[in-house]
């Protein structure tokens, strides 16, 4: 069992050293350091809370406008693309683990 843990740790070490993961960390840090984007995200969250409690077409319209503005930032677009790629890779890893453990338990 210890051997499996070592291999899993090695896999995640390899993932953390990958270009994809490092690109993700880099773009995430860029987002965190961008005051305009953070203010926009905070305003979106605030309006989402308002909208969750009552349906207001004015708030919905404002929220749509803020989403459009957020999506216009190239760094945010990069974040979305890289995040999707990273999620796909993590999903593949999860599937491989599930398949491996399923086969292991069938023996």
PDB file of N, CA and C in Angstrom:
ATOM      1  N   UNK A   1       0.819  -1.196   0.000  1.00  0.00           N
ATOM      2  CA  UNK A   1       0.000   0.000   0.000  1.00  0.00           C
ATOM      3  C   UNK A   1       0.862   1.257   0.000  1.00  0.00           C
ATOM      4  N   UNK A   2       1.995   1.183   0.698  1.00  0.00           N
ATOM      5  CA  UNK A   2       2.905   2.322   0.741  1.00  0.00           C
ATOM      6  C   UNK A   2       3.446   2.642  -0.650  1.00  0.00           C
ATOM      7  N   UNK A   3       3.646   1.607  -1.463  1.00  0.00           N
ATOM      8  CA  UNK A   3       4.129   1.791  -2.824  1.00  0.00           C
ATOM      9  C   UNK A   3       3.132   2.593  -3.659  1.00  0.00           C
ATOM     10  N   UNK A   4       1.841   2.339  -3.455  1.00  0.00           N
ATOM     11  CA  UNK A   4       0.801   3.082  -4.180  1.00  0.00           C
ATOM     12  C   UNK A   4       0.838   4.553  -3.784  1.00  0.00           C
ATOM     13  N   UNK A   5       0.981   4.822  -2.492  1.00  0.00           N
ATOM     14  CA  UNK A   5       1.036   6.205  -2.012  1.00  0.00           C
ATOM     15  C   UNK A   5       2.229   6.934  -2.621  1.00  0.00           C
ATOM     16  N   UNK A   6       3.369   6.262  -2.703  1.00  0.00           N
ATOM     17  CA  UNK A   6       4.565   6.868  -3.287  1.00  0.00           C
ATOM     18  C   UNK A   6       4.321   7.195  -4.760  1.00  0.00           C
ATOM     19  N   UNK A   7       3.695   6.278  -5.481  1.00  0.00           N
ATOM     20  CA  UNK A   7       3.415   6.519  -6.902  1.00  0.00           C
ATOM     21  C   UNK A   7       2.419   7.654  -7.100  1.00  0.00           C
ATOM     22  N   UNK A   8       1.434   7.730  -6.228  1.00  0.00           N
ATOM     23  CA  UNK A   8       0.467   8.832  -6.306  1.00  0.00           C
ATOM     24  C   UNK A   8       1.167  10.157  -6.019  1.00  0.00           C
ATOM     25  N   UNK A   9       2.001  10.178  -5.004  1.00  0.00           N
ATOM     26  CA  UNK A   9       2.763  11.389  -4.682  1.00  0.00           C
ATOM     27  C   UNK A   9       3.649  11.790  -5.858  1.00  0.00           C
ATOM     28  N   UNK A  10       4.284  10.820  -6.481  1.00  0.00           N
ATOM     29  CA  UNK A  10       5.137  11.092  -7.648  1.00  0.00           C
ATOM     30  C   UNK A  10       4.316  11.685  -8.796  1.00  0.00           C
ATOM     31  N   UNK A  11       3.126  11.138  -8.992  1.00  0.00           N
ATOM     32  CA  UNK A  11       2.254  11.638 -10.052  1.00  0.00           C
ATOM     33  C   UNK A  11       1.891  13.097  -9.815  1.00  0.00           C
ATOM     34  N   UNK A  12       1.538  13.429  -8.584  1.00  0.00           N
ATOM     35  CA  UNK A  12       1.174  14.811  -8.294  1.00  0.00           C
ATOM     36  C   UNK A  12       2.392  15.741  -8.316  1.00  0.00           C
ATOM     37  N   UNK A  13       3.543  15.230  -7.941  1.00  0.00           N
ATOM     38  CA  UNK A  13       4.764  16.023  -8.083  1.00  0.00           C
ATOM     39  C   UNK A  13       5.016  16.339  -9.553  1.00  0.00           C
ATOM     40  N   UNK A  14       4.820  15.332 -10.386  1.00  0.00           N
ATOM     41  CA  UNK A  14       5.001  15.522 -11.834  1.00  0.00           C
ATOM     42  C   UNK A  14       3.997  16.532 -12.378  1.00  0.00           C
ATOM     43  N   UNK A  15       2.757  16.434 -11.925  1.00  0.00           N
ATOM     44  CA  UNK A  15       1.733  17.381 -12.357  1.00  0.00           C
ATOM     45  C   UNK A  15       2.115  18.800 -11.950  1.00  0.00           C
ATOM     46  N   UNK A  16       2.574  18.975 -10.710  1.00  0.00           N
ATOM     47  CA  UNK A  16       2.945  20.304 -10.224  1.00  0.00           C
ATOM     48  C   UNK A  16       4.146  20.885 -10.967  1.00  0.00           C
ATOM     49  N   UNK A  17       4.922  20.052 -11.602  1.00  0.00           N
ATOM     50  CA  UNK A  17       6.078  20.517 -12.371  1.00  0.00           C
ATOM     51  C   UNK A  17       5.737  20.706 -13.852  1.00  0.00           C
ATOM     52  N   UNK A  18       4.536  20.347 -14.243  1.00  0.00           N
ATOM     53  CA  UNK A  18       4.151  20.434 -15.654  1.00  0.00           C
ATOM     54  C   UNK A  18       3.964  21.891 -16.078  1.00  0.00           C
ATOM     55  N   UNK A  19       4.117  22.112 -17.360  1.00  0.00           N
ATOM     56  CA  UNK A  19       3.924  23.443 -17.932  1.00  0.00           C
ATOM     57  C   UNK A  19       2.490  23.917 -17.710  1.00  0.00           C
ATOM     58  N   UNK A  20       1.536  23.013 -17.905  1.00  0.00           N
ATOM     59  CA  UNK A  20       0.132  23.370 -17.741  1.00  0.00           C
ATOM     60  C   UNK A  20      -0.153  23.884 -16.333  1.00  0.00           C
ATOM     61  N   UNK A  21       0.307  23.161 -15.332  1.00  0.00           N
ATOM     62  CA  UNK A  21       0.069  23.570 -13.948  1.00  0.00           C
ATOM     63  C   UNK A  21       0.774  24.897 -13.649  1.00  0.00           C
ATOM     64  N   UNK A  22       1.998  25.039 -14.100  1.00  0.00           N
ATOM     65  CA  UNK A  22       2.736  26.283 -13.851  1.00  0.00           C
ATOM     66  C   UNK A  22       2.107  27.462 -14.571  1.00  0.00           C
ATOM     67  N   UNK A  23       1.578  27.228 -15.771  1.00  0.00           N
ATOM     68  CA  UNK A  23       0.848  28.290 -16.470  1.00  0.00           C
ATOM     69  C   UNK A  23      -0.409  28.678 -15.695  1.00  0.00           C
ATOM     70  N   UNK A  24      -1.080  27.674 -15.126  1.00  0.00           N
ATOM     71  CA  UNK A  24      -2.277  27.929 -14.332  1.00  0.00           C
ATOM     72  C   UNK A  24      -1.939  28.794 -13.110  1.00  0.00           C
ATOM     73  N   UNK A  25      -0.904  28.423 -12.396  1.00  0.00           N
ATOM     74  CA  UNK A  25      -0.496  29.183 -11.208  1.00  0.00           C
ATOM     75  C   UNK A  25      -0.131  30.613 -11.590  1.00  0.00           C
ATOM     76  N   UNK A  26       0.578  30.751 -12.689  1.00  0.00           N
ATOM     77  CA  UNK A  26       0.998  32.081 -13.143  1.00  0.00           C
ATOM     78  C   UNK A  26      -0.209  32.966 -13.462  1.00  0.00           C
ATOM     79  N   UNK A  27      -1.148  32.439 -14.238  1.00  0.00           N
ATOM     80  CA  UNK A  27      -2.302  33.247 -14.619  1.00  0.00           C
ATOM     81  C   UNK A  27      -3.213  33.492 -13.417  1.00  0.00           C
ATOM     82  N   UNK A  28      -3.307  32.538 -12.496  1.00  0.00           N
ATOM     83  CA  UNK A  28      -4.089  32.737 -11.286  1.00  0.00           C
ATOM     84  C   UNK A  28      -3.503  33.868 -10.446  1.00  0.00           C
ATOM     85  N   UNK A  29      -2.192  33.909 -10.334  1.00  0.00           N
ATOM     86  CA  UNK A  29      -1.540  35.000  -9.604  1.00  0.00           C
ATOM     87  C   UNK A  29      -1.765  36.343 -10.288  1.00  0.00           C
ATOM     88  N   UNK A  30      -1.757  36.344 -11.611  1.00  0.00           N
ATOM     89  CA  UNK A  30      -2.042  37.582 -12.335  1.00  0.00           C
ATOM     90  C   UNK A  30      -3.454  38.068 -12.020  1.00  0.00           C
ATOM     91  N   UNK A  31      -4.396  37.129 -11.972  1.00  0.00           N
ATOM     92  CA  UNK A  31      -5.773  37.509 -11.642  1.00  0.00           C
ATOM     93  C   UNK A  31      -5.874  38.063 -10.228  1.00  0.00           C
ATOM     94  N   UNK A  32      -5.225  37.375  -9.296  1.00  0.00           N
ATOM     95  CA  UNK A  32      -5.285  37.808  -7.901  1.00  0.00           C
ATOM     96  C   UNK A  32      -4.687  39.190  -7.700  1.00  0.00           C
ATOM     97  N   UNK A  33      -3.734  39.555  -8.539  1.00  0.00           N
ATOM     98  CA  UNK A  33      -3.058  40.843  -8.391  1.00  0.00           C
ATOM     99  C   UNK A  33      -3.683  41.958  -9.218  1.00  0.00           C
ATOM    100  N   UNK A  34      -4.751  41.658  -9.920  1.00  0.00           N
ATOM    101  CA  UNK A  34      -5.407  42.662 -10.755  1.00  0.00           C
ATOM    102  C   UNK A  34      -6.617  43.221  -9.994  1.00  0.00           C
ATOM    103  N   UNK A  35      -6.467  44.424  -9.486  1.00  0.00           N
ATOM    104  CA  UNK A  35      -7.511  45.034  -8.656  1.00  0.00           C
ATOM    105  C   UNK A  35      -8.815  45.205  -9.421  1.00  0.00           C
ATOM    106  N   UNK A  36      -8.732  45.612 -10.667  1.00  0.00           N
ATOM    107  CA  UNK A  36      -9.951  45.832 -11.456  1.00  0.00           C
ATOM    108  C   UNK A  36     -10.742  44.525 -11.621  1.00  0.00           C
ATOM    109  N   UNK A  37     -10.046  43.444 -11.924  1.00  0.00           N
ATOM    110  CA  UNK A  37     -10.703  42.151 -12.089  1.00  0.00           C
ATOM    111  C   UNK A  37     -11.288  41.676 -10.756  1.00  0.00           C
ATOM    112  N   UNK A  38     -10.536  41.832  -9.690  1.00  0.00           N
ATOM    113  CA  UNK A  38     -11.029  41.413  -8.371  1.00  0.00           C
ATOM    114  C   UNK A  38     -12.256  42.220  -7.942  1.00  0.00           C
ATOM    115  N   UNK A  39     -12.234  43.509  -8.199  1.00  0.00           N
ATOM    116  CA  UNK A  39     -13.398  44.338  -7.878  1.00  0.00           C
ATOM    117  C   UNK A  39     -14.611  43.878  -8.690  1.00  0.00           C
ATOM    118  N   UNK A  40     -14.367  43.560  -9.947  1.00  0.00           N
ATOM    119  CA  UNK A  40     -15.439  43.094 -10.820  1.00  0.00           C
ATOM    120  C   UNK A  40     -16.006  41.754 -10.326  1.00  0.00           C
ATOM    121  N   UNK A  41     -15.136  40.838  -9.967  1.00  0.00           N
ATOM    122  CA  UNK A  41     -15.569  39.533  -9.450  1.00  0.00           C
ATOM    123  C   UNK A  41     -16.351  39.706  -8.147  1.00  0.00           C
ATOM    124  N   UNK A  42     -15.896  40.575  -7.275  1.00  0.00           N
ATOM    125  CA  UNK A  42     -16.609  40.827  -6.011  1.00  0.00           C
ATOM    126  C   UNK A  42     -17.989  41.428  -6.258  1.00  0.00           C
ATOM    127  N   UNK A  43     -18.075  42.308  -7.231  1.00  0.00           N
ATOM    128  CA  UNK A  43     -19.375  42.899  -7.562  1.00  0.00           C
ATOM    129  C   UNK A  43     -20.302  41.836  -8.156  1.00  0.00           C
ATOM    130  N   UNK A  44     -19.774  40.961  -8.974  1.00  0.00           N
ATOM    131  CA  UNK A  44     -20.571  39.860  -9.541  1.00  0.00           C
ATOM    132  C   UNK A  44     -21.092  38.972  -8.416  1.00  0.00           C
ATOM    133  N   UNK A  45     -20.242  38.627  -7.475  1.00  0.00           N
ATOM    134  CA  UNK A  45     -20.663  37.794  -6.342  1.00  0.00           C
ATOM    135  C   UNK A  45     -21.764  38.485  -5.531  1.00  0.00           C
ATOM    136  N   UNK A  46     -21.606  39.784  -5.326  1.00  0.00           N
ATOM    137  CA  UNK A  46     -22.603  40.535  -4.558  1.00  0.00           C
ATOM    138  C   UNK A  46     -23.953  40.515  -5.273  1.00  0.00           C
ATOM    139  N   UNK A  47     -23.916  40.728  -6.583  1.00  0.00           N
ATOM    140  CA  UNK A  47     -25.166  40.728  -7.343  1.00  0.00           C
ATOM    141  C   UNK A  47     -25.779  39.328  -7.429  1.00  0.00           C
ATOM    142  N   UNK A  48     -24.942  38.304  -7.476  1.00  0.00           N
ATOM    143  CA  UNK A  48     -25.455  36.933  -7.483  1.00  0.00           C
ATOM    144  C   UNK A  48     -26.229  36.639  -6.201  1.00  0.00           C
ATOM    145  N   UNK A  49     -25.730  37.128  -5.080  1.00  0.00           N
ATOM    146  CA  UNK A  49     -26.429  36.929  -3.808  1.00  0.00           C
ATOM    147  C   UNK A  49     -27.786  37.638  -3.824  1.00  0.00           C
ATOM    148  N   UNK A  50     -27.798  38.838  -4.354  1.00  0.00           N
ATOM    149  CA  UNK A  50     -29.053  39.583  -4.448  1.00  0.00           C
ATOM    150  C   UNK A  50     -30.026  38.837  -5.347  1.00  0.00           C
ATOM    151  N   UNK A  51     -29.531  38.364  -6.476  1.00  0.00           N
ATOM    152  CA  UNK A  51     -30.371  37.673  -7.444  1.00  0.00           C
ATOM    153  C   UNK A  51     -30.888  36.339  -6.910  1.00  0.00           C
ATOM    154  N   UNK A  52     -30.114  35.698  -6.049  1.00  0.00           N
ATOM    155  CA  UNK A  52     -30.540  34.422  -5.468  1.00  0.00           C
ATOM    156  C   UNK A  52     -31.760  34.601  -4.572  1.00  0.00           C
ATOM    157  N   UNK A  53     -31.880  35.755  -3.962  1.00  0.00           N
ATOM    158  CA  UNK A  53     -32.992  36.007  -3.045  1.00  0.00           C
ATOM    159  C   UNK A  53     -34.237  36.541  -3.745  1.00  0.00           C
ATOM    160  N   UNK A  54     -34.045  37.240  -4.835  1.00  0.00           N
ATOM    161  CA  UNK A  54     -35.201  37.715  -5.592  1.00  0.00           C
ATOM    162  C   UNK A  54     -34.814  37.947  -7.044  1.00  0.00           C
ATOM    163  N   UNK A  55     -35.687  37.519  -7.921  1.00  0.00           N
ATOM    164  CA  UNK A  55     -35.440  37.678  -9.357  1.00  0.00           C
ATOM    165  C   UNK A  55     -35.751  39.120  -9.743  1.00  0.00           C
ATOM    166  N   UNK A  56     -34.723  39.798 -10.192  1.00  0.00           N
ATOM    167  CA  UNK A  56     -34.854  41.197 -10.580  1.00  0.00           C
ATOM    168  C   UNK A  56     -34.193  41.358 -11.939  1.00  0.00           C
ATOM    169  N   UNK A  57     -34.948  41.739 -12.918  1.00  0.00           N
ATOM    170  CA  UNK A  57     -34.419  41.841 -14.285  1.00  0.00           C
ATOM    171  C   UNK A  57     -33.324  42.897 -14.401  1.00  0.00           C
ATOM    172  N   UNK A  58     -33.403  43.940 -13.596  1.00  0.00           N
ATOM    173  CA  UNK A  58     -32.373  44.983 -13.623  1.00  0.00           C
ATOM    174  C   UNK A  58     -31.045  44.409 -13.108  1.00  0.00           C
ATOM    175  N   UNK A  59     -31.122  43.645 -12.030  1.00  0.00           N
ATOM    176  CA  UNK A  59     -29.923  43.023 -11.467  1.00  0.00           C
ATOM    177  C   UNK A  59     -29.381  41.983 -12.446  1.00  0.00           C
ATOM    178  N   UNK A  60     -30.266  41.220 -13.083  1.00  0.00           N
ATOM    179  CA  UNK A  60     -29.835  40.227 -14.076  1.00  0.00           C
ATOM    180  C   UNK A  60     -29.100  40.895 -15.227  1.00  0.00           C
ATOM    181  N   UNK A  61     -29.623  42.000 -15.690  1.00  0.00           N
ATOM    182  CA  UNK A  61     -28.995  42.725 -16.797  1.00  0.00           C
ATOM    183  C   UNK A  61     -27.617  43.247 -16.383  1.00  0.00           C
ATOM    184  N   UNK A  62     -27.536  43.816 -15.202  1.00  0.00           N
ATOM    185  CA  UNK A  62     -26.265  44.333 -14.695  1.00  0.00           C
ATOM    186  C   UNK A  62     -25.252  43.197 -14.552  1.00  0.00           C
ATOM    187  N   UNK A  63     -25.714  42.048 -14.068  1.00  0.00           N
ATOM    188  CA  UNK A  63     -24.851  40.881 -13.912  1.00  0.00           C
ATOM    189  C   UNK A  63     -24.328  40.417 -15.272  1.00  0.00           C
ATOM    190  N   UNK A  64     -25.180  40.375 -16.262  1.00  0.00           N
ATOM    191  CA  UNK A  64     -24.766  39.999 -17.617  1.00  0.00           C
ATOM    192  C   UNK A  64     -23.704  40.962 -18.160  1.00  0.00           C
ATOM    193  N   UNK A  65     -23.900  42.238 -17.893  1.00  0.00           N
ATOM    194  CA  UNK A  65     -22.937  43.243 -18.343  1.00  0.00           C
ATOM    195  C   UNK A  65     -21.575  43.040 -17.670  1.00  0.00           C
ATOM    196  N   UNK A  66     -21.614  42.754 -16.363  1.00  0.00           N
ATOM    197  CA  UNK A  66     -20.363  42.544 -15.638  1.00  0.00           C
ATOM    198  C   UNK A  66     -19.646  41.276 -16.105  1.00  0.00           C
ATOM    199  N   UNK A  67     -20.418  40.212 -16.391  1.00  0.00           N
ATOM    200  CA  UNK A  67     -19.819  38.990 -16.927  1.00  0.00           C
ATOM    201  C   UNK A  67     -19.148  39.265 -18.275  1.00  0.00           C
ATOM    202  N   UNK A  68     -19.818  40.016 -19.113  1.00  0.00           N
ATOM    203  CA  UNK A  68     -19.248  40.358 -20.424  1.00  0.00           C
ATOM    204  C   UNK A  68     -17.958  41.154 -20.268  1.00  0.00           C
ATOM    205  N   UNK A  69     -17.984  42.085 -19.344  1.00  0.00           N
ATOM    206  CA  UNK A  69     -16.787  42.884 -19.098  1.00  0.00           C
ATOM    207  C   UNK A  69     -15.649  42.000 -18.580  1.00  0.00           C
ATOM    208  N   UNK A  70     -15.967  41.100 -17.656  1.00  0.00           N
ATOM    209  CA  UNK A  70     -14.956  40.199 -17.106  1.00  0.00           C
ATOM    210  C   UNK A  70     -14.350  39.328 -18.207  1.00  0.00           C
ATOM    211  N   UNK A  71     -15.207  38.820 -19.071  1.00  0.00           N
ATOM    212  CA  UNK A  71     -14.741  37.957 -20.160  1.00  0.00           C
ATOM    213  C   UNK A  71     -13.916  38.712 -21.199  1.00  0.00           C
ATOM    214  N   UNK A  72     -13.961  40.022 -21.170  1.00  0.00           N
ATOM    215  CA  UNK A  72     -13.196  40.811 -22.138  1.00  0.00           C
ATOM    216  C   UNK A  72     -11.717  40.940 -21.756  1.00  0.00           C
ATOM    217  N   UNK A  73     -11.381  40.581 -20.532  1.00  0.00           N
ATOM    218  CA  UNK A  73      -9.986  40.655 -20.096  1.00  0.00           C
ATOM    219  C   UNK A  73      -9.216  39.443 -20.630  1.00  0.00           C
ATOM    220  N   UNK A  74      -8.159  39.663 -21.386  1.00  0.00           N
ATOM    221  CA  UNK A  74      -7.381  38.535 -21.927  1.00  0.00           C
ATOM    222  C   UNK A  74      -6.849  37.602 -20.842  1.00  0.00           C
ATOM    223  N   UNK A  75      -6.441  38.147 -19.713  1.00  0.00           N
ATOM    224  CA  UNK A  75      -5.912  37.309 -18.642  1.00  0.00           C
ATOM    225  C   UNK A  75      -7.010  36.406 -18.074  1.00  0.00           C
ATOM    226  N   UNK A  76      -8.233  36.889 -18.026  1.00  0.00           N
ATOM    227  CA  UNK A  76      -9.342  36.062 -17.545  1.00  0.00           C
ATOM    228  C   UNK A  76      -9.659  34.966 -18.561  1.00  0.00           C
ATOM    229  N   UNK A  77      -9.609  35.297 -19.841  1.00  0.00           N
ATOM    230  CA  UNK A  77      -9.812  34.287 -20.882  1.00  0.00           C
ATOM    231  C   UNK A  77      -8.736  33.211 -20.799  1.00  0.00           C
ATOM    232  N   UNK A  78      -7.499  33.629 -20.581  1.00  0.00           N
ATOM    233  CA  UNK A  78      -6.405  32.659 -20.424  1.00  0.00           C
ATOM    234  C   UNK A  78      -6.668  31.772 -19.223  1.00  0.00           C
ATOM    235  N   UNK A  79      -7.098  32.376 -18.137  1.00  0.00           N
ATOM    236  CA  UNK A  79      -7.411  31.622 -16.922  1.00  0.00           C
ATOM    237  C   UNK A  79      -8.469  30.552 -17.205  1.00  0.00           C
ATOM    238  N   UNK A  80      -9.546  30.942 -17.876  1.00  0.00           N
ATOM    239  CA  UNK A  80     -10.620  29.996 -18.166  1.00  0.00           C
ATOM    240  C   UNK A  80     -10.122  28.841 -19.031  1.00  0.00           C
ATOM    241  N   UNK A  81      -9.331  29.151 -20.047  1.00  0.00           N
ATOM    242  CA  UNK A  81      -8.819  28.113 -20.946  1.00  0.00           C
ATOM    243  C   UNK A  81      -7.871  27.157 -20.233  1.00  0.00           C
ATOM    244  N   UNK A  82      -6.949  27.716 -19.476  1.00  0.00           N
ATOM    245  CA  UNK A  82      -5.969  26.883 -18.771  1.00  0.00           C
ATOM    246  C   UNK A  82      -6.662  26.064 -17.683  1.00  0.00           C
ATOM    247  N   UNK A  83      -7.622  26.673 -16.997  1.00  0.00           N
ATOM    248  CA  UNK A  83      -8.359  25.955 -15.953  1.00  0.00           C
ATOM    249  C   UNK A  83      -9.109  24.771 -16.555  1.00  0.00           C
ATOM    250  N   UNK A  84      -9.711  24.974 -17.710  1.00  0.00           N
ATOM    251  CA  UNK A  84     -10.426  23.881 -18.369  1.00  0.00           C
ATOM    252  C   UNK A  84      -9.462  22.752 -18.758  1.00  0.00           C
ATOM    253  N   UNK A  85      -8.307  23.112 -19.300  1.00  0.00           N
ATOM    254  CA  UNK A  85      -7.307  22.099 -19.665  1.00  0.00           C
ATOM    255  C   UNK A  85      -6.819  21.337 -18.434  1.00  0.00           C
ATOM    256  N   UNK A  86      -6.574  22.054 -17.349  1.00  0.00           N
ATOM    257  CA  UNK A  86      -6.110  21.418 -16.120  1.00  0.00           C
ATOM    258  C   UNK A  86      -7.197  20.508 -15.545  1.00  0.00           C
ATOM    259  N   UNK A  87      -8.438  20.963 -15.566  1.00  0.00           N
ATOM    260  CA  UNK A  87      -9.539  20.129 -15.092  1.00  0.00           C
ATOM    261  C   UNK A  87      -9.671  18.858 -15.927  1.00  0.00           C
ATOM    262  N   UNK A  88      -9.472  18.980 -17.241  1.00  0.00           N
ATOM    263  CA  UNK A  88      -9.518  17.803 -18.107  1.00  0.00           C
ATOM    264  C   UNK A  88      -8.420  16.806 -17.734  1.00  0.00           C
ATOM    265  N   UNK A  89      -7.236  17.323 -17.480  1.00  0.00           N
ATOM    266  CA  UNK A  89      -6.124  16.449 -17.102  1.00  0.00           C
ATOM    267  C   UNK A  89      -6.386  15.780 -15.748  1.00  0.00           C
ATOM    268  N   UNK A  90      -6.899  16.526 -14.804  1.00  0.00           N
ATOM    269  CA  UNK A  90      -7.215  15.956 -13.491  1.00  0.00           C
ATOM    270  C   UNK A  90      -8.330  14.915 -13.604  1.00  0.00           C
ATOM    271  N   UNK A  91      -9.277  15.161 -14.483  1.00  0.00           N
ATOM    272  CA  UNK A  91     -10.351  14.195 -14.696  1.00  0.00           C
ATOM    273  C   UNK A  91      -9.782  12.892 -15.258  1.00  0.00           C
ATOM    274  N   UNK A  92      -8.866  13.001 -16.206  1.00  0.00           N
ATOM    275  CA  UNK A  92      -8.234  11.808 -16.768  1.00  0.00           C
ATOM    276  C   UNK A  92      -7.472  11.032 -15.694  1.00  0.00           C
ATOM    277  N   UNK A  93      -6.789  11.739 -14.826  1.00  0.00           N
ATOM    278  CA  UNK A  93      -6.064  11.087 -13.727  1.00  0.00           C
ATOM    279  C   UNK A  93      -7.050  10.380 -12.808  1.00  0.00           C
ATOM    280  N   UNK A  94      -8.146  11.057 -12.476  1.00  0.00           N
ATOM    281  CA  UNK A  94      -9.174  10.466 -11.620  1.00  0.00           C
ATOM    282  C   UNK A  94      -9.741   9.200 -12.246  1.00  0.00           C
ATOM    283  N   UNK A  95     -10.031   9.259 -13.534  1.00  0.00           N
ATOM    284  CA  UNK A  95     -10.566   8.092 -14.241  1.00  0.00           C
ATOM    285  C   UNK A  95      -9.574   6.939 -14.219  1.00  0.00           C
ATOM    286  N   UNK A  96      -8.298   7.235 -14.419  1.00  0.00           N
ATOM    287  CA  UNK A  96      -7.273   6.191 -14.397  1.00  0.00           C
ATOM    288  C   UNK A  96      -7.184   5.555 -13.013  1.00  0.00           C
ATOM    289  N   UNK A  97      -7.264   6.369 -11.967  1.00  0.00           N
ATOM    290  CA  UNK A  97      -7.250   5.838 -10.604  1.00  0.00           C
ATOM    291  C   UNK A  97      -8.459   4.940 -10.353  1.00  0.00           C
ATOM    292  N   UNK A  98      -9.614   5.416 -10.751  1.00  0.00           N
ATOM    293  CA  UNK A  98     -10.824   4.633 -10.531  1.00  0.00           C
ATOM    294  C   UNK A  98     -10.739   3.284 -11.252  1.00  0.00           C
ATOM    295  N   UNK A  99     -10.268   3.319 -12.476  1.00  0.00           N
ATOM    296  CA  UNK A  99     -10.125   2.081 -13.250  1.00  0.00           C
ATOM    297  C   UNK A  99      -9.112   1.150 -12.575  1.00  0.00           C
ATOM    298  N   UNK A 100      -7.996   1.700 -12.148  1.00  0.00           N
ATOM    299  CA  UNK A 100      -6.940   0.907 -11.504  1.00  0.00           C
ATOM    300  C   UNK A 100      -7.474   0.248 -10.214  1.00  0.00           C
ATOM    301  N   UNK A 101      -8.112   1.042  -9.364  1.00  0.00           N
ATOM    302  CA  UNK A 101      -8.608   0.515  -8.102  1.00  0.00           C
ATOM    303  C   UNK A 101      -9.761  -0.463  -8.316  1.00  0.00           C
ATOM    304  N   UNK A 102     -10.576  -0.206  -9.316  1.00  0.00           N
ATOM    305  CA  UNK A 102     -11.662  -1.146  -9.630  1.00  0.00           C
ATOM    306  C   UNK A 102     -11.073  -2.494 -10.031  1.00  0.00           C
ATOM    307  N   UNK A 103     -10.071  -2.476 -10.895  1.00  0.00           N
ATOM    308  CA  UNK A 103      -9.411  -3.730 -11.302  1.00  0.00           C
ATOM    309  C   UNK A 103      -8.722  -4.399 -10.122  1.00  0.00           C
ATOM    310  N   UNK A 104      -8.120  -3.607  -9.263  1.00  0.00           N
ATOM    311  CA  UNK A 104      -7.438  -4.127  -8.095  1.00  0.00           C
ATOM    312  C   UNK A 104      -8.419  -4.838  -7.152  1.00  0.00           C
ATOM    313  N   UNK A 105      -9.604  -4.261  -7.006  1.00  0.00           N
ATOM    314  CA  UNK A 105     -10.601  -4.832  -6.098  1.00  0.00           C
ATOM    315  C   UNK A 105     -11.291  -6.069  -6.700  1.00  0.00           C
ATOM    316  N   UNK A 106     -11.248  -6.202  -8.015  1.00  0.00           N
ATOM    317  CA  UNK A 106     -11.865  -7.362  -8.653  1.00  0.00           C
ATOM    318  C   UNK A 106     -11.034  -8.627  -8.450  1.00  0.00           C
ATOM    319  N   UNK A 107      -9.759  -8.487  -8.175  1.00  0.00           N
ATOM    320  CA  UNK A 107      -8.893  -9.670  -8.028  1.00  0.00           C
ATOM    321  C   UNK A 107      -9.212 -10.486  -6.862  1.00  0.00           C
TER     322      UNK A 107
END
